[in-house]
Amino acid sequence: MMQAIRALERAIDRLEQDVEGLVSAASGPSPGIDAAAARTALRSLDSLITELKGQDVKEQVGG
């Protein structure tokens, strides 16, 4: 399970970089990109991964 979590973390890191690149490349607000919503979604995924890590640790300990 930890391998899957690490893969998700890498994917999220790439998405964060993509969002930042798209936002900085746009000369003005891009109608196709809601940067605030994208960042909120990425933070939500980060929280989910943190929660999954905690559950995985509990399962490994037996608890």
C-alpha atoms as a PDB file:
ATOM      1  CA  MET A   1       0.000   0.000   0.000  1.00  0.00           C
ATOM      2  CA  MET A   2       2.871   2.367   0.726  1.00  0.00           C
ATOM      3  CA  GLN A   3       4.088   1.984  -2.867  1.00  0.00           C
ATOM      4  CA  ALA A   4       0.682   3.090  -4.116  1.00  0.00           C
ATOM      5  CA  ILE A   5       0.709   6.046  -1.729  1.00  0.00           C
ATOM      6  CA  ARG A   6       4.176   7.085  -2.924  1.00  0.00           C
ATOM      7  CA  ALA A   7       3.009   6.840  -6.536  1.00  0.00           C
ATOM      8  CA  LEU A   8       0.050   9.096  -5.697  1.00  0.00           C
ATOM      9  CA  GLU A   9       2.371  11.583  -4.014  1.00  0.00           C
ATOM     10  CA  ARG A  10       4.596  11.739  -7.093  1.00  0.00           C
ATOM     11  CA  ALA A  11       1.571  12.209  -9.349  1.00  0.00           C
ATOM     12  CA  ILE A  12       0.261  15.015  -7.144  1.00  0.00           C
ATOM     13  CA  ASP A  13       3.678  16.693  -7.135  1.00  0.00           C
ATOM     14  CA  ARG A  14       3.661  16.644 -10.938  1.00  0.00           C
ATOM     15  CA  LEU A  15       0.116  18.025 -11.021  1.00  0.00           C
ATOM     16  CA  GLU A  16       1.097  20.829  -8.654  1.00  0.00           C
ATOM     17  CA  GLN A  17       4.002  21.720 -10.928  1.00  0.00           C
ATOM     18  CA  ASP A  18       1.727  21.602 -13.973  1.00  0.00           C
ATOM     19  CA  VAL A  19      -0.835  23.894 -12.332  1.00  0.00           C
ATOM     20  CA  GLU A  20       1.864  26.373 -11.307  1.00  0.00           C
ATOM     21  CA  GLY A  21       3.340  26.289 -14.805  1.00  0.00           C
ATOM     22  CA  LEU A  22      -0.016  26.861 -16.461  1.00  0.00           C
ATOM     23  CA  VAL A  23      -0.925  29.687 -14.111  1.00  0.00           C
ATOM     24  CA  SER A  24       2.417  31.446 -14.520  1.00  0.00           C
ATOM     25  CA  ALA A  25       2.377  30.959 -18.318  1.00  0.00           C
ATOM     26  CA  ALA A  26      -1.025  32.613 -18.649  1.00  0.00           C
ATOM     27  CA  SER A  27      -0.682  36.346 -19.197  1.00  0.00           C
ATOM     28  CA  GLY A  28      -4.002  36.932 -17.477  1.00  0.00           C
ATOM     29  CA  PRO A  29      -6.638  34.850 -15.825  1.00  0.00           C
ATOM     30  CA  SER A  30      -7.215  31.820 -18.001  1.00  0.00           C
ATOM     31  CA  PRO A  31     -10.878  30.966 -18.516  1.00  0.00           C
ATOM     32  CA  GLY A  32      -9.946  27.279 -18.768  1.00  0.00           C
ATOM     33  CA  ILE A  33      -8.030  27.093 -15.494  1.00  0.00           C
ATOM     34  CA  ASP A  34      -9.449  27.720 -12.053  1.00  0.00           C
ATOM     35  CA  ALA A  35      -6.143  27.846 -10.182  1.00  0.00           C
ATOM     36  CA  ALA A  36      -7.754  28.225  -6.760  1.00  0.00           C
ATOM     37  CA  ALA A  37      -9.970  25.198  -7.339  1.00  0.00           C
ATOM     38  CA  ALA A  38      -7.012  23.202  -8.651  1.00  0.00           C
ATOM     39  CA  ARG A  39      -4.959  24.039  -5.573  1.00  0.00           C
ATOM     40  CA  THR A  40      -7.877  23.164  -3.299  1.00  0.00           C
ATOM     41  CA  ALA A  41      -8.273  19.807  -5.028  1.00  0.00           C
ATOM     42  CA  LEU A  42      -4.561  19.094  -4.694  1.00  0.00           C
ATOM     43  CA  ARG A  43      -4.639  19.969  -0.975  1.00  0.00           C
ATOM     44  CA  SER A  44      -7.581  17.609  -0.594  1.00  0.00           C
ATOM     45  CA  LEU A  45      -5.573  14.838  -2.244  1.00  0.00           C
ATOM     46  CA  ASP A  46      -2.629  15.596   0.050  1.00  0.00           C
ATOM     47  CA  SER A  47      -4.951  15.259   3.054  1.00  0.00           C
ATOM     48  CA  LEU A  48      -6.292  11.971   1.752  1.00  0.00           C
ATOM     49  CA  ILE A  49      -2.762  10.610   1.358  1.00  0.00           C
ATOM     50  CA  THR A  50      -1.902  11.674   4.913  1.00  0.00           C
ATOM     51  CA  GLU A  51      -5.006   9.871   6.140  1.00  0.00           C
ATOM     52  CA  LEU A  52      -4.131   6.749   4.142  1.00  0.00           C
ATOM     53  CA  LYS A  53      -0.615   6.759   5.569  1.00  0.00           C
ATOM     54  CA  GLY A  54      -2.054   6.862   9.070  1.00  0.00           C
ATOM     55  CA  GLN A  55      -4.382   3.955   8.341  1.00  0.00           C
ATOM     56  CA  ASP A  56      -1.547   1.947   6.794  1.00  0.00           C
ATOM     57  CA  VAL A  57       0.628   2.480   9.877  1.00  0.00           C
ATOM     58  CA  LYS A  58      -2.231   1.365  12.143  1.00  0.00           C
ATOM     59  CA  GLU A  59      -2.740  -1.779  10.055  1.00  0.00           C
ATOM     60  CA  GLN A  60       0.970  -2.595  10.177  1.00  0.00           C
ATOM     61  CA  VAL A  61       1.008  -2.201  13.959  1.00  0.00           C
ATOM     62  CA  GLY A  62      -2.137  -4.275  14.243  1.00  0.00           C
ATOM     63  CA  GLY A  63      -4.470  -1.703  15.226  1.00  0.00           C
END
